[in-house]
């Protein structure tokens, strides 16, 4: 897969990771694409089938995005 293909699939992986996370993420599209592409590269090193790499890549990208956005926030019970 070439660099352009990696970025396109990375954008898909990043978008799926953002869809999995609750709430709104304030990341620009280029950051989503780079996080997705990086997660896909790491997933490719861990597993060797494309479909499994996509799934693992989405999970890795979701974890990175959650960490960048401050993690998961619990609902506040303050009045």
N, C-alpha and C. Protein backbone atom coordinates (compact mmCIF):
# COMPACT_ATOMS: atom_id res chain seq x y z
N UNK A 1 0.86 -1.17 0.00
CA UNK A 1 0.00 0.00 0.00
C UNK A 1 0.91 1.23 0.00
N UNK A 2 0.63 2.18 -0.86
CA UNK A 2 1.42 3.39 -0.94
C UNK A 2 1.05 4.38 0.15
N UNK A 3 1.77 5.49 0.15
CA UNK A 3 1.54 6.52 1.17
C UNK A 3 0.14 7.11 1.06
N UNK A 4 -0.32 7.38 -0.16
CA UNK A 4 -1.66 7.94 -0.34
C UNK A 4 -2.72 6.95 0.14
N UNK A 5 -2.54 5.68 -0.19
CA UNK A 5 -3.48 4.65 0.26
C UNK A 5 -3.50 4.54 1.77
N UNK A 6 -2.31 4.62 2.39
CA UNK A 6 -2.23 4.56 3.84
C UNK A 6 -2.96 5.73 4.48
N UNK A 7 -2.82 6.92 3.90
CA UNK A 7 -3.49 8.10 4.45
C UNK A 7 -5.01 8.01 4.28
N UNK A 8 -5.46 7.48 3.15
CA UNK A 8 -6.90 7.34 2.92
C UNK A 8 -7.50 6.32 3.89
N UNK A 9 -6.84 5.17 4.02
CA UNK A 9 -7.33 4.16 4.96
C UNK A 9 -7.17 4.67 6.40
N UNK A 10 -6.11 5.44 6.66
CA UNK A 10 -5.92 6.04 7.97
C UNK A 10 -7.04 7.01 8.31
N UNK A 11 -7.51 7.76 7.32
CA UNK A 11 -8.65 8.65 7.54
C UNK A 11 -9.90 7.85 7.89
N UNK A 12 -10.10 6.74 7.22
CA UNK A 12 -11.24 5.86 7.53
C UNK A 12 -11.12 5.29 8.94
N UNK A 13 -9.93 4.82 9.30
CA UNK A 13 -9.72 4.26 10.64
C UNK A 13 -9.92 5.33 11.71
N UNK A 14 -9.38 6.53 11.48
CA UNK A 14 -9.55 7.62 12.42
C UNK A 14 -11.00 8.04 12.57
N UNK A 15 -11.72 8.07 11.45
CA UNK A 15 -13.14 8.44 11.51
C UNK A 15 -13.95 7.38 12.26
N UNK A 16 -13.65 6.12 12.04
CA UNK A 16 -14.34 5.06 12.78
C UNK A 16 -14.01 5.12 14.27
N UNK A 17 -12.76 5.45 14.59
CA UNK A 17 -12.38 5.58 16.00
C UNK A 17 -13.12 6.73 16.66
N UNK A 18 -13.28 7.85 15.95
CA UNK A 18 -14.03 8.98 16.50
C UNK A 18 -15.50 8.64 16.67
N UNK A 19 -16.03 7.80 15.76
CA UNK A 19 -17.43 7.41 15.86
C UNK A 19 -17.67 6.49 17.05
N UNK A 20 -16.66 5.71 17.43
CA UNK A 20 -16.80 4.78 18.55
C UNK A 20 -16.81 5.54 19.88
N UNK A 21 -16.08 6.64 19.95
CA UNK A 21 -15.98 7.40 21.19
C UNK A 21 -17.23 8.24 21.43
N UNK A 22 -17.66 8.36 22.69
CA UNK A 22 -18.82 9.19 22.98
C UNK A 22 -18.46 10.67 22.95
N UNK A 23 -19.42 11.49 22.66
CA UNK A 23 -19.21 12.94 22.67
C UNK A 23 -18.56 13.46 21.41
N UNK A 24 -18.21 14.70 21.47
CA UNK A 24 -17.63 15.39 20.31
C UNK A 24 -16.13 15.55 20.54
N UNK A 25 -15.34 15.23 19.52
CA UNK A 25 -13.90 15.40 19.58
C UNK A 25 -13.52 16.64 18.78
N UNK A 26 -12.60 17.41 19.31
CA UNK A 26 -12.21 18.65 18.66
C UNK A 26 -10.94 18.53 17.83
N UNK A 27 -10.67 17.37 17.27
CA UNK A 27 -9.48 17.18 16.46
C UNK A 27 -9.72 17.62 15.02
N UNK A 28 -8.73 18.25 14.40
CA UNK A 28 -8.87 18.57 12.98
C UNK A 28 -8.75 17.30 12.14
N UNK A 29 -9.18 17.39 10.89
CA UNK A 29 -9.21 16.22 10.01
C UNK A 29 -7.82 15.67 9.76
N UNK A 30 -6.80 16.54 9.68
CA UNK A 30 -5.45 16.05 9.43
C UNK A 30 -4.92 15.25 10.63
N UNK A 31 -5.30 15.64 11.84
CA UNK A 31 -4.87 14.89 13.03
C UNK A 31 -5.56 13.54 13.08
N UNK A 32 -6.83 13.52 12.71
CA UNK A 32 -7.57 12.25 12.65
C UNK A 32 -6.92 11.31 11.65
N UNK A 33 -6.51 11.84 10.49
CA UNK A 33 -5.89 11.03 9.45
C UNK A 33 -4.54 10.50 9.92
N UNK A 34 -3.73 11.35 10.55
CA UNK A 34 -2.41 10.91 11.00
C UNK A 34 -2.50 9.89 12.14
N UNK A 35 -3.44 10.10 13.06
CA UNK A 35 -3.64 9.13 14.14
C UNK A 35 -4.11 7.80 13.57
N UNK A 36 -5.04 7.85 12.63
CA UNK A 36 -5.53 6.61 12.01
C UNK A 36 -4.44 5.88 11.24
N UNK A 37 -3.61 6.63 10.50
CA UNK A 37 -2.52 6.00 9.74
C UNK A 37 -1.48 5.40 10.69
N UNK A 38 -1.14 6.12 11.74
CA UNK A 38 -0.19 5.59 12.71
C UNK A 38 -0.71 4.36 13.42
N UNK A 39 -1.99 4.41 13.79
CA UNK A 39 -2.61 3.25 14.45
C UNK A 39 -2.64 2.05 13.50
N UNK A 40 -2.87 2.30 12.23
CA UNK A 40 -2.90 1.22 11.25
C UNK A 40 -1.51 0.61 11.08
N UNK A 41 -0.48 1.44 11.10
CA UNK A 41 0.89 0.93 11.02
C UNK A 41 1.22 0.05 12.22
N UNK A 42 0.86 0.51 13.42
CA UNK A 42 1.11 -0.28 14.63
C UNK A 42 0.31 -1.58 14.59
N UNK A 43 -0.94 -1.50 14.16
CA UNK A 43 -1.78 -2.70 14.08
C UNK A 43 -1.21 -3.69 13.07
N UNK A 44 -0.63 -3.18 11.98
CA UNK A 44 -0.02 -4.05 10.99
C UNK A 44 1.19 -4.79 11.52
N UNK A 45 1.86 -4.20 12.50
CA UNK A 45 3.00 -4.88 13.12
C UNK A 45 2.54 -5.96 14.10
N UNK A 46 1.33 -5.78 14.67
CA UNK A 46 0.83 -6.71 15.67
C UNK A 46 0.15 -7.91 15.01
N UNK A 47 -0.71 -7.66 14.03
CA UNK A 47 -1.46 -8.73 13.36
C UNK A 47 -1.11 -8.72 11.87
N UNK A 48 -1.45 -9.79 11.18
CA UNK A 48 -0.99 -9.92 9.80
C UNK A 48 -2.11 -10.02 8.77
N UNK A 49 -3.36 -9.96 9.19
CA UNK A 49 -4.44 -9.95 8.20
C UNK A 49 -5.03 -8.54 8.14
N UNK A 50 -5.45 -8.14 6.96
CA UNK A 50 -5.88 -6.76 6.75
C UNK A 50 -7.11 -6.41 7.58
N UNK A 51 -8.11 -7.28 7.59
CA UNK A 51 -9.35 -7.00 8.32
C UNK A 51 -9.09 -6.91 9.83
N UNK A 52 -8.28 -7.80 10.35
CA UNK A 52 -7.95 -7.75 11.77
C UNK A 52 -7.13 -6.50 12.08
N UNK A 53 -6.24 -6.11 11.17
CA UNK A 53 -5.45 -4.88 11.36
C UNK A 53 -6.35 -3.66 11.37
N UNK A 54 -7.40 -3.65 10.56
CA UNK A 54 -8.35 -2.53 10.58
C UNK A 54 -9.05 -2.43 11.93
N UNK A 55 -9.50 -3.56 12.44
CA UNK A 55 -10.21 -3.56 13.72
C UNK A 55 -9.28 -3.14 14.85
N UNK A 56 -8.09 -3.70 14.89
CA UNK A 56 -7.12 -3.34 15.93
C UNK A 56 -6.70 -1.88 15.76
N UNK A 57 -6.57 -1.43 14.51
CA UNK A 57 -6.23 -0.04 14.24
C UNK A 57 -7.27 0.93 14.76
N UNK A 58 -8.54 0.60 14.61
CA UNK A 58 -9.62 1.44 15.13
C UNK A 58 -9.54 1.51 16.65
N UNK A 59 -9.27 0.38 17.29
CA UNK A 59 -9.16 0.36 18.75
C UNK A 59 -7.97 1.18 19.23
N UNK A 60 -6.84 1.07 18.55
CA UNK A 60 -5.66 1.84 18.93
C UNK A 60 -5.91 3.32 18.71
N UNK A 61 -6.50 3.67 17.57
CA UNK A 61 -6.78 5.08 17.28
C UNK A 61 -7.77 5.66 18.28
N UNK A 62 -8.77 4.87 18.67
CA UNK A 62 -9.74 5.35 19.67
C UNK A 62 -9.06 5.60 21.00
N UNK A 63 -8.13 4.74 21.37
CA UNK A 63 -7.40 4.93 22.63
C UNK A 63 -6.55 6.19 22.57
N UNK A 64 -5.88 6.43 21.45
CA UNK A 64 -5.04 7.63 21.30
C UNK A 64 -5.90 8.88 21.34
N UNK A 65 -7.01 8.88 20.62
CA UNK A 65 -7.89 10.05 20.60
C UNK A 65 -8.47 10.30 22.00
N UNK A 66 -8.85 9.24 22.70
CA UNK A 66 -9.38 9.40 24.06
C UNK A 66 -8.33 9.99 24.98
N UNK A 67 -7.08 9.55 24.84
CA UNK A 67 -6.01 10.10 25.66
C UNK A 67 -5.75 11.56 25.33
N UNK A 68 -5.79 11.91 24.05
CA UNK A 68 -5.57 13.30 23.65
C UNK A 68 -6.69 14.22 24.10
N UNK A 69 -7.90 13.69 24.19
CA UNK A 69 -9.04 14.49 24.58
C UNK A 69 -9.27 14.47 26.09
N UNK A 70 -8.40 13.85 26.84
CA UNK A 70 -8.54 13.83 28.30
C UNK A 70 -9.24 12.59 28.82
N UNK A 71 -9.36 11.57 28.01
CA UNK A 71 -9.97 10.32 28.46
C UNK A 71 -11.49 10.40 28.49
N UNK A 72 -12.07 9.39 29.06
CA UNK A 72 -13.51 9.34 29.18
C UNK A 72 -13.92 10.13 30.41
N UNK A 73 -14.89 10.99 30.28
CA UNK A 73 -15.39 11.79 31.40
C UNK A 73 -16.66 11.16 31.93
N UNK A 74 -16.67 10.95 33.24
CA UNK A 74 -17.88 10.44 33.87
C UNK A 74 -18.88 11.59 34.02
N UNK A 75 -20.12 11.26 34.04
CA UNK A 75 -21.14 12.29 34.24
C UNK A 75 -21.00 12.91 35.61
N UNK A 76 -21.12 14.19 35.68
CA UNK A 76 -21.00 14.89 36.95
C UNK A 76 -22.31 14.78 37.71
N UNK A 77 -22.20 14.55 39.02
CA UNK A 77 -23.40 14.46 39.85
C UNK A 77 -23.53 15.68 40.72
N UNK A 78 -22.71 16.69 40.46
CA UNK A 78 -22.80 17.93 41.25
C UNK A 78 -24.05 18.69 40.88
N UNK A 79 -24.61 19.38 41.88
CA UNK A 79 -25.82 20.17 41.67
C UNK A 79 -25.49 21.63 41.60
